[in-house]
Amino acid sequence: MLIKKKKYIFFPKLDSKHLLFLFFILFSFAKKFIQYYLETSESLGLEFFKLYVFDFGDLLSIIPFLIIKKRSKLKNKNTKEENQGNINSEGTTEYLIYNPIENSKKNDKKGFIYVLLTTILDFIAQISRVIFHIIKEQKKLDVKESNLNSLLAINMITTILFSKYMLHTDFYRHHSFAFLLNILCLLALSVIDIIETIDEHGDNIIMTIVYFLIILLSKLLYSFENVFIKVIFLFYYYSPYALLLAKSIFHFFYLILFSFPFIFIELKDEKNDNKLIFSMIGDIFEDKLYILVEILFSILSFFYNIITFKIIDAFSPNHFIIARVAENFCIYIINIILKGTDKEKYIIFKIILFILLILISFIYNEFIVINICGLSKNTKLFLEYEEKNELAIIKINYNGDDDIDDSGNLDNGRSSSEPKIDSKEFTENNNN
């Protein structure tokens, strides 16, 4: 008698869209290495200039945007020529292709307001860090961002909550399980952050708290922005390229307004000399190699941001959590490699927590399905199998034939690569 072994973990099939996560990690790696080169000498002018570099990178989206727009016009023209003369019995022209842009003109104004709000949130998140660096240089405060690992867990939690209330995403048992584990990781990482912060910056604890609050604000704004971006993609028909281009245009005007006071205000640089911000930026390019490095950084920034938008568009803000956690883990490993293990405490514990956060994000987004305690219930994978089983039963009752190979490859026609799920076992597990 053949005994069927129960499977507790399932991995849904991946497709070409999932390569976006790999590309995101690769460009994140490259971007981080360029940042290390740029930050060999800490400079307030460099932090300020990064705002322009990021905006220039986003502006590069105009190239694919115009290419896609031109192709779309040619396609619409060809479609119109094909449909011309196709008159129905009532004497009206019959158009066969639904154009969502034409059908959403009434929402253009609201969509524009949403895009404007998104760019404002993103700009505030960016300049909050620059403003802190200005304060940091004046107070000569040294705070390591790598110590604030708990902010990653906060970013995950806030993204989930914003998605729940803005996108009305479902929240099932496996979501609750992952969310609970996330909170436990947050508590553990917070304890580590507090201990390390007190050990290294006990004499500047107030400014360290200010730094934490500013970075926390930045994370909250980015979480809200990512969910808002998904709303724009879903209901206002912006493409990732169009939205990134709009963001760069708005940011250009924001940068002009933000930069204007610094034409007259002198600040202390890293040498404690009073200088204008734009003089500090000029000093950066005494090394001509910085020009090429900045151009490369802008290009990498464009790919990084457009892949971010594409992940949110093709999947969801909650799926982007996977990319964000993997990115932070890779950056942490890079820090250890480049700066040495002697400057890092609790290395093993942090690595374990990072791996746990990656697994949590996999469980939440159903990249891993756990088949115990009802955690598989209402997952996409098991709902699909349940539907296939029902179709198989219907076909058997209708045809009286057990050889079913065109209803989802079940039973005799099941692909060997698919998990074998017993109907009785499936029902019992999902009723737990």
Protein backbone atom coordinates (compact mmCIF):
# COMPACT_ATOMS: atom_id res chain seq x y z
CA MET A 1 0.00 0.00 0.00
CA LEU A 2 1.39 3.38 -1.06
CA ILE A 3 1.53 5.83 1.86
CA LYS A 4 1.26 9.43 0.75
CA LYS A 5 3.60 11.72 2.71
CA LYS A 6 2.05 14.96 3.86
CA LYS A 7 3.75 18.13 2.61
CA TYR A 8 3.99 21.07 4.99
CA ILE A 9 5.66 23.69 2.80
CA PHE A 10 4.79 24.67 -0.77
CA PHE A 11 6.49 27.06 -3.17
CA PRO A 12 4.24 28.54 -5.87
CA LYS A 13 5.60 28.68 -9.39
CA LEU A 14 7.50 31.80 -10.41
CA ASP A 15 7.30 33.61 -13.74
CA SER A 16 9.28 36.26 -15.60
CA LYS A 17 7.81 39.08 -13.48
CA HIS A 18 9.65 37.78 -10.45
CA LEU A 19 12.96 38.67 -12.12
CA LEU A 20 12.17 42.23 -11.08
CA PHE A 21 13.19 41.33 -7.53
CA LEU A 22 16.56 40.04 -8.74
CA PHE A 23 17.15 43.16 -10.84
CA PHE A 24 16.23 45.34 -7.88
CA ILE A 25 18.85 43.65 -5.69
CA LEU A 26 21.52 43.93 -8.41
CA PHE A 27 20.94 47.64 -8.98
CA SER A 28 20.72 48.21 -5.25
CA PHE A 29 24.14 46.56 -4.86
CA ALA A 30 25.66 48.71 -7.61
CA LYS A 31 24.06 51.88 -6.23
CA LYS A 32 25.34 51.16 -2.73
CA PHE A 33 28.92 50.62 -3.92
CA ILE A 34 28.81 53.97 -5.76
CA GLN A 35 27.50 55.60 -2.58
CA TYR A 36 30.43 54.20 -0.63
CA TYR A 37 32.77 55.84 -3.13
CA LEU A 38 30.94 59.17 -2.90
CA GLU A 39 30.87 59.09 0.89
CA THR A 40 34.60 58.53 1.41
CA SER A 41 34.70 62.15 2.57
CA GLU A 42 31.59 63.28 4.41
CA SER A 43 30.31 66.49 2.89
CA LEU A 44 27.20 68.53 3.49
CA GLY A 45 27.40 69.71 -0.11
CA LEU A 46 27.31 66.09 -1.28
CA GLU A 47 24.15 65.34 0.70
CA PHE A 48 22.52 68.41 -0.81
CA PHE A 49 23.74 67.61 -4.32
CA LYS A 50 22.28 64.09 -4.12
CA LEU A 51 18.81 65.64 -4.35
CA TYR A 52 19.70 66.94 -7.83
CA VAL A 53 21.34 63.64 -8.80
CA PHE A 54 18.23 61.67 -7.83
CA ASP A 55 16.00 64.09 -9.74
CA PHE A 56 18.18 63.89 -12.85
CA GLY A 57 18.01 60.09 -12.63
CA ASP A 58 14.21 60.19 -12.48
CA LEU A 59 14.17 62.58 -15.46
CA LEU A 60 15.81 59.86 -17.58
CA SER A 61 12.38 58.17 -17.59
CA ILE A 62 11.43 60.63 -20.35
CA ILE A 63 13.33 58.42 -22.84
CA PRO A 64 11.28 55.20 -22.40
CA PHE A 65 8.15 57.31 -21.83
CA LEU A 66 8.45 58.98 -25.27
CA ILE A 67 9.31 55.66 -26.95
CA ILE A 68 6.25 53.95 -25.46
CA LYS A 69 4.05 56.94 -26.30
CA LYS A 70 5.20 56.91 -29.93
CA ARG A 71 4.56 53.17 -30.22
CA SER A 72 1.15 53.59 -28.63
CA LYS A 73 0.21 56.28 -31.15
CA LEU A 74 1.25 54.06 -34.05
CA LYS A 75 -0.71 51.14 -32.60
CA ASN A 76 -3.82 53.29 -32.08
CA LYS A 77 -3.50 54.66 -35.61
CA ASN A 78 -3.29 51.15 -37.07
CA THR A 79 -6.21 50.01 -34.94
CA LYS A 80 -8.30 52.99 -36.06
CA GLU A 81 -7.55 52.22 -39.71
CA GLU A 82 -8.51 48.57 -39.19
CA ASN A 83 -11.77 49.51 -37.48
CA GLN A 84 -12.63 52.24 -39.98
CA GLY A 85 -15.65 51.24 -41.98
CA ASN A 86 -16.69 48.52 -39.52
CA ILE A 87 -20.21 49.84 -39.18
CA ASN A 88 -22.73 47.89 -37.20
CA SER A 89 -26.37 47.38 -38.15
CA GLU A 90 -27.38 50.65 -36.46
CA GLY A 91 -24.97 52.67 -38.60
CA THR A 92 -22.44 53.49 -35.88
CA THR A 93 -18.73 52.75 -35.89
CA GLU A 94 -17.69 49.71 -33.87
CA TYR A 95 -14.43 50.11 -31.91
CA LEU A 96 -13.09 46.83 -30.62
CA ILE A 97 -10.36 48.04 -28.28
CA TYR A 98 -11.09 49.55 -24.87
CA ASN A 99 -8.85 52.52 -24.10
CA PRO A 100 -8.70 53.10 -20.32
CA ILE A 101 -7.05 56.51 -20.72
CA GLU A 102 -9.91 57.81 -22.87
CA ASN A 103 -12.45 56.38 -20.46
CA SER A 104 -10.85 57.97 -17.40
CA LYS A 105 -10.66 61.61 -18.47
CA LYS A 106 -13.16 62.55 -15.81
CA ASN A 107 -10.67 61.32 -13.21
CA ASP A 108 -7.70 63.22 -14.65
CA LYS A 109 -8.01 66.08 -12.18
CA LYS A 110 -8.23 63.77 -9.17
CA GLY A 111 -5.36 61.67 -10.51
CA PHE A 112 -3.24 64.80 -10.90
CA ILE A 113 -3.91 65.76 -7.28
CA TYR A 114 -2.89 62.27 -6.13
CA VAL A 115 0.34 62.45 -8.15
CA LEU A 116 1.05 65.89 -6.68
CA LEU A 117 0.49 64.60 -3.16
CA THR A 118 2.76 61.59 -3.82
CA THR A 119 5.62 63.80 -5.03
CA ILE A 120 5.25 66.07 -2.00
CA LEU A 121 5.46 63.10 0.38
CA ASP A 122 8.53 61.78 -1.42
CA PHE A 123 10.25 65.18 -1.40
CA ILE A 124 9.61 65.70 2.32
CA ALA A 125 11.07 62.25 2.99
CA GLN A 126 14.19 63.17 1.00
CA ILE A 127 14.84 66.63 2.42
CA SER A 128 14.21 65.47 6.00
CA ARG A 129 17.50 63.59 5.82
CA VAL A 130 19.31 66.57 4.27
CA ILE A 131 17.97 68.88 6.98
CA PHE A 132 19.27 66.51 9.62
CA HIS A 133 22.70 66.43 7.96
CA ILE A 134 22.73 70.22 8.14
CA ILE A 135 21.98 70.02 11.87
CA LYS A 136 24.51 67.21 12.24
CA GLU A 137 27.33 69.25 10.70
CA GLN A 138 26.58 72.25 12.87
CA LYS A 139 26.47 70.12 16.05
CA LYS A 140 29.30 67.78 14.94
CA LEU A 141 27.17 64.74 15.76
CA ASP A 142 28.08 61.27 14.55
CA VAL A 143 25.22 58.78 14.34
CA LYS A 144 25.37 55.51 12.42
CA GLU A 145 22.29 54.77 10.35
CA SER A 146 23.16 51.06 10.35
CA ASN A 147 22.29 50.95 14.05
CA LEU A 148 18.63 51.64 13.34
CA ASN A 149 17.67 48.21 12.02
CA SER A 150 14.33 48.32 13.82
CA LEU A 151 13.12 50.86 11.26
CA LEU A 152 13.03 48.09 8.67
CA ALA A 153 10.45 46.17 10.72
CA ILE A 154 8.50 49.41 11.24
CA ASN A 155 8.52 49.96 7.47
CA MET A 156 7.09 46.47 6.94
CA ILE A 157 4.35 46.92 9.55
CA THR A 158 3.27 50.37 8.33
CA THR A 159 3.17 49.22 4.70
CA ILE A 160 0.90 46.32 5.67
CA LEU A 161 -1.40 48.62 7.67
CA PHE A 162 -1.57 51.29 4.97
CA SER A 163 -2.34 48.61 2.36
CA LYS A 164 -5.06 47.19 4.57
CA TYR A 165 -6.90 50.49 4.95
CA MET A 166 -6.15 52.16 1.59
CA LEU A 167 -6.21 49.19 -0.78
CA HIS A 168 -8.61 47.08 1.33
CA THR A 169 -6.32 44.06 1.08
CA ASP A 170 -7.50 40.83 2.64
CA PHE A 171 -6.08 39.74 5.98
CA TYR A 172 -6.17 35.99 6.56
CA ARG A 173 -4.58 33.60 9.05
CA HIS A 174 -1.17 33.45 7.35
CA HIS A 175 -1.13 37.26 7.25
CA SER A 176 -1.84 37.45 11.00
CA PHE A 177 0.87 34.87 11.66
CA ALA A 178 3.46 36.83 9.65
CA PHE A 179 2.36 40.13 11.20
CA LEU A 180 2.80 38.73 14.73
CA LEU A 181 6.30 37.46 13.90
CA ASN A 182 7.09 40.87 12.45
CA ILE A 183 6.18 42.57 15.72
CA LEU A 184 8.41 40.16 17.66
CA CYS A 185 11.32 40.96 15.30
CA LEU A 186 10.63 44.66 15.76
CA LEU A 187 10.89 44.31 19.54
CA ALA A 188 14.15 42.35 19.27
CA LEU A 189 15.72 44.80 16.81
CA SER A 190 14.56 47.77 18.89
CA VAL A 191 16.31 46.41 21.98
CA ILE A 192 19.55 46.00 20.00
CA ASP A 193 19.24 49.52 18.55
CA ILE A 194 18.70 51.07 21.98
CA ILE A 195 21.68 49.24 23.52
CA GLU A 196 24.02 50.15 20.66
CA THR A 197 22.84 53.76 20.56
CA ILE A 198 23.43 54.27 24.29
CA ASP A 199 26.86 52.59 24.10
CA GLU A 200 28.07 54.67 21.16
CA HIS A 201 26.24 57.98 21.54
CA GLY A 202 25.29 58.30 25.18
CA ASP A 203 26.62 61.86 25.29
CA ASN A 204 24.47 62.92 22.31
CA ILE A 205 21.35 61.00 23.17
CA ILE A 206 18.98 63.91 22.46
CA MET A 207 20.27 64.46 18.92
CA THR A 208 20.27 60.71 18.38
CA ILE A 209 16.57 60.64 19.26
CA VAL A 210 16.00 63.53 16.85
CA TYR A 211 17.81 61.54 14.16
CA PHE A 212 15.67 58.48 14.89
CA LEU A 213 12.46 60.52 14.66
CA ILE A 214 13.50 62.10 11.35
CA ILE A 215 14.41 58.74 9.81
CA LEU A 216 11.19 57.27 11.23
CA LEU A 217 9.22 60.06 9.55
CA SER A 218 11.04 59.30 6.30
CA LYS A 219 10.16 55.58 6.52
CA LEU A 220 6.50 56.32 7.29
CA LEU A 221 6.25 58.70 4.33
CA TYR A 222 7.86 56.17 1.97
CA SER A 223 5.48 53.44 3.19
CA PHE A 224 2.48 55.69 2.63
CA GLU A 225 3.87 56.80 -0.75
CA ASN A 226 4.30 53.22 -2.00
CA VAL A 227 0.70 52.37 -1.19
CA PHE A 228 -0.46 55.64 -2.74
CA ILE A 229 1.50 54.81 -5.90
CA LYS A 230 -0.41 51.53 -6.19
CA VAL A 231 -3.69 53.48 -5.94
CA ILE A 232 -2.53 55.69 -8.83
CA PHE A 233 -1.58 52.68 -10.94
CA LEU A 234 -4.88 50.92 -10.24
CA PHE A 235 -7.38 53.72 -10.67
CA TYR A 236 -5.71 56.52 -12.66
CA TYR A 237 -3.89 54.53 -15.36
CA TYR A 238 -0.43 56.05 -14.98
CA SER A 239 2.42 53.91 -16.23
CA PRO A 240 5.56 53.58 -14.04
CA TYR A 241 7.49 55.70 -16.57
CA ALA A 242 4.83 58.43 -16.67
CA LEU A 243 4.65 58.60 -12.88
CA LEU A 244 8.44 58.72 -12.48
CA LEU A 245 8.64 61.47 -15.10
CA ALA A 246 5.92 63.48 -13.33
CA LYS A 247 7.79 63.00 -10.06
CA SER A 248 11.03 64.37 -11.57
CA ILE A 249 9.26 67.45 -12.99
CA PHE A 250 7.54 68.29 -9.71
CA HIS A 251 10.73 67.65 -7.73
CA PHE A 252 12.63 70.06 -9.95
CA PHE A 253 10.35 72.93 -8.89
CA TYR A 254 10.43 71.80 -5.25
CA LEU A 255 14.24 71.80 -5.38
CA ILE A 256 14.31 75.36 -6.70
CA LEU A 257 12.13 76.54 -3.82
CA PHE A 258 14.10 74.54 -1.26
CA SER A 259 17.48 75.68 -2.60
CA PHE A 260 16.67 79.39 -2.86
CA PRO A 261 17.38 80.32 0.83
CA PHE A 262 20.76 78.55 0.68
CA ILE A 263 21.96 81.03 -1.94
CA PHE A 264 22.36 83.49 0.93
CA ILE A 265 22.85 81.29 4.03
CA GLU A 266 26.39 80.20 4.93
CA LEU A 267 26.88 76.93 6.78
CA LYS A 268 29.85 75.22 8.39
CA ASP A 269 31.42 72.50 6.30
CA GLU A 270 33.37 69.45 7.51
CA LYS A 271 36.45 71.70 8.01
CA ASN A 272 34.42 74.09 10.16
CA ASP A 273 34.64 76.84 7.53
CA ASN A 274 31.63 79.00 6.70
CA LYS A 275 30.56 78.42 3.10
CA LEU A 276 27.52 78.52 0.86
CA ILE A 277 26.05 75.14 -0.03
CA PHE A 278 26.73 75.68 -3.72
CA SER A 279 30.39 76.44 -3.00
CA MET A 280 30.58 73.11 -1.17
CA ILE A 281 29.07 71.39 -4.21
CA GLY A 282 31.70 73.06 -6.39
CA ASP A 283 34.43 71.68 -4.13
CA ILE A 284 33.18 68.14 -4.77
CA PHE A 285 34.11 68.36 -8.45
CA GLU A 286 37.71 69.30 -7.88
CA ASP A 287 38.15 65.60 -8.52
CA LYS A 288 36.97 65.31 -12.15
CA LEU A 289 36.24 61.62 -11.70
CA TYR A 290 33.26 62.63 -9.56
CA ILE A 291 31.49 63.87 -12.69
CA LEU A 292 31.52 60.40 -14.28
CA VAL A 293 30.63 58.80 -10.95
CA GLU A 294 27.63 61.10 -10.50
CA ILE A 295 26.41 60.38 -14.04
CA LEU A 296 26.68 56.64 -13.38
CA PHE A 297 24.91 57.09 -10.04
CA SER A 298 22.03 58.93 -11.76
CA ILE A 299 21.61 56.10 -14.26
CA LEU A 300 21.62 53.49 -11.49
CA SER A 301 19.15 55.62 -9.52
CA PHE A 302 16.79 55.64 -12.52
CA PHE A 303 16.82 51.85 -12.85
CA TYR A 304 16.47 51.44 -9.09
CA ASN A 305 13.38 53.69 -8.96
CA ILE A 306 11.71 52.38 -12.10
CA ILE A 307 12.10 48.77 -10.94
CA THR A 308 10.60 49.83 -7.59
CA PHE A 309 7.58 51.25 -9.43
CA LYS A 310 7.31 48.16 -11.63
CA ILE A 311 7.30 45.82 -8.62
CA ILE A 312 4.53 47.86 -7.00
CA ASP A 313 2.63 47.95 -10.30
CA ALA A 314 3.01 44.25 -11.17
CA PHE A 315 2.58 43.02 -7.59
CA SER A 316 1.81 45.25 -4.60
CA PRO A 317 3.45 47.46 -1.95
CA ASN A 318 3.45 44.42 0.35
CA HIS A 319 5.48 42.47 -2.22
CA PHE A 320 7.96 45.32 -2.38
CA ILE A 321 8.66 44.58 1.29
CA ILE A 322 10.51 41.46 0.09
CA ALA A 323 12.81 43.56 -2.07
CA ARG A 324 13.34 46.09 0.72
CA VAL A 325 14.23 43.48 3.34
CA ALA A 326 16.60 41.66 0.97
CA GLU A 327 18.20 45.00 0.10
CA ASN A 328 18.79 45.93 3.74
CA PHE A 329 20.22 42.49 4.47
CA CYS A 330 22.64 42.80 1.55
CA ILE A 331 23.67 46.29 2.67
CA TYR A 332 24.31 44.96 6.16
CA ILE A 333 26.55 42.22 4.73
CA ILE A 334 28.39 44.83 2.60
CA ASN A 335 28.96 46.95 5.72
CA ILE A 336 30.49 43.96 7.49
CA ILE A 337 32.74 43.14 4.52
CA LEU A 338 33.97 46.70 3.96
CA LYS A 339 34.15 47.93 7.54
CA GLY A 340 35.04 44.70 9.34
CA THR A 341 33.25 42.67 11.99
CA ASP A 342 35.00 44.44 14.86
CA LYS A 343 32.72 47.46 14.44
CA GLU A 344 29.53 45.41 14.55
CA LYS A 345 27.94 43.87 17.64
CA TYR A 346 25.39 41.06 17.79
CA ILE A 347 26.28 40.03 14.21
CA ILE A 348 24.88 36.50 14.37
CA PHE A 349 21.71 37.66 16.10
CA LYS A 350 21.13 40.39 13.49
CA ILE A 351 21.73 38.01 10.59
CA ILE A 352 19.22 35.55 12.06
CA LEU A 353 16.65 38.34 12.44
CA PHE A 354 17.22 39.54 8.86
CA ILE A 355 16.72 36.01 7.53
CA LEU A 356 13.59 35.70 9.66
CA LEU A 357 12.25 38.98 8.26
CA ILE A 358 12.83 37.68 4.72
CA LEU A 359 10.93 34.47 5.54
CA ILE A 360 8.13 36.51 7.14
CA SER A 361 7.77 38.63 3.99
CA PHE A 362 7.73 35.41 1.90
CA ILE A 363 4.95 33.94 4.06
CA TYR A 364 2.91 37.15 4.05
CA ASN A 365 3.09 37.45 0.25
CA GLU A 366 2.58 33.69 -0.30
CA PHE A 367 5.97 33.01 -1.86
CA ILE A 368 6.05 30.30 0.81
CA VAL A 369 2.83 28.52 1.81
CA ILE A 370 2.83 26.66 5.14
CA ASN A 371 0.34 23.78 5.25
CA ILE A 372 -0.24 23.52 9.02
CA CYS A 373 -2.72 25.03 11.48
CA GLY A 374 -4.85 26.38 8.66
CA LEU A 375 -2.12 28.78 7.46
CA SER A 376 -2.63 27.56 3.90
CA LYS A 377 -6.30 28.47 3.94
CA ASN A 378 -7.25 31.30 1.55
CA THR A 379 -3.82 31.39 -0.05
CA LYS A 380 -3.86 31.79 -3.81
CA LEU A 381 -2.06 28.48 -4.35
CA PHE A 382 -4.56 26.39 -2.36
CA LEU A 383 -7.58 28.24 -3.71
CA GLU A 384 -6.39 27.38 -7.20
CA TYR A 385 -6.02 23.70 -6.26
CA GLU A 386 -9.43 23.72 -4.64
CA GLU A 387 -10.93 25.15 -7.83
CA LYS A 388 -9.15 22.52 -9.93
CA ASN A 389 -10.40 19.74 -7.66
CA GLU A 390 -13.97 21.01 -7.96
CA LEU A 391 -13.67 21.21 -11.77
CA ALA A 392 -12.25 17.70 -11.81
CA ILE A 393 -15.17 16.35 -9.77
CA ILE A 394 -17.66 18.12 -12.04
CA LYS A 395 -15.99 16.67 -15.13
CA ILE A 396 -15.89 13.16 -13.63
CA ASN A 397 -19.59 13.34 -12.79
CA TYR A 398 -20.38 14.66 -16.23
CA ASN A 399 -18.18 12.35 -18.32
CA GLY A 400 -17.63 9.47 -15.94
CA ASP A 401 -13.95 9.58 -16.90
CA ASP A 402 -11.03 9.72 -14.48
CA ASP A 403 -8.50 10.75 -17.12
CA ILE A 404 -8.52 14.50 -16.63
CA ASP A 405 -5.69 16.38 -18.26
CA ASP A 406 -7.26 19.61 -19.48
CA SER A 407 -8.78 20.88 -16.24
CA GLY A 408 -5.60 21.79 -14.44
CA ASN A 409 -3.38 18.70 -14.67
CA LEU A 410 -4.95 16.96 -11.71
CA ASP A 411 -4.96 13.29 -10.74
CA ASN A 412 -3.64 11.21 -13.68
CA GLY A 413 -2.79 14.33 -15.65
CA ARG A 414 -1.00 16.18 -12.84
CA SER A 415 2.42 17.56 -13.64
CA SER A 416 5.16 15.91 -11.61
CA SER A 417 6.46 19.35 -10.60
CA GLU A 418 3.23 20.28 -8.81
CA PRO A 419 2.63 19.37 -5.17
CA LYS A 420 0.29 16.41 -4.72
CA ILE A 421 -2.54 17.42 -2.47
CA ASP A 422 -4.98 14.91 -1.15
CA SER A 423 -8.52 16.32 -1.21
CA LYS A 424 -9.35 14.98 2.25
CA GLU A 425 -6.05 16.19 3.68
CA PHE A 426 -6.54 19.58 2.03
CA THR A 427 -10.00 20.00 3.56
CA GLU A 428 -8.87 18.93 7.01
CA ASN A 429 -5.89 21.28 7.03
CA ASN A 430 -7.93 24.27 5.94
CA ASN A 431 -10.61 23.61 8.53
CA ASN A 432 -8.12 23.78 11.40
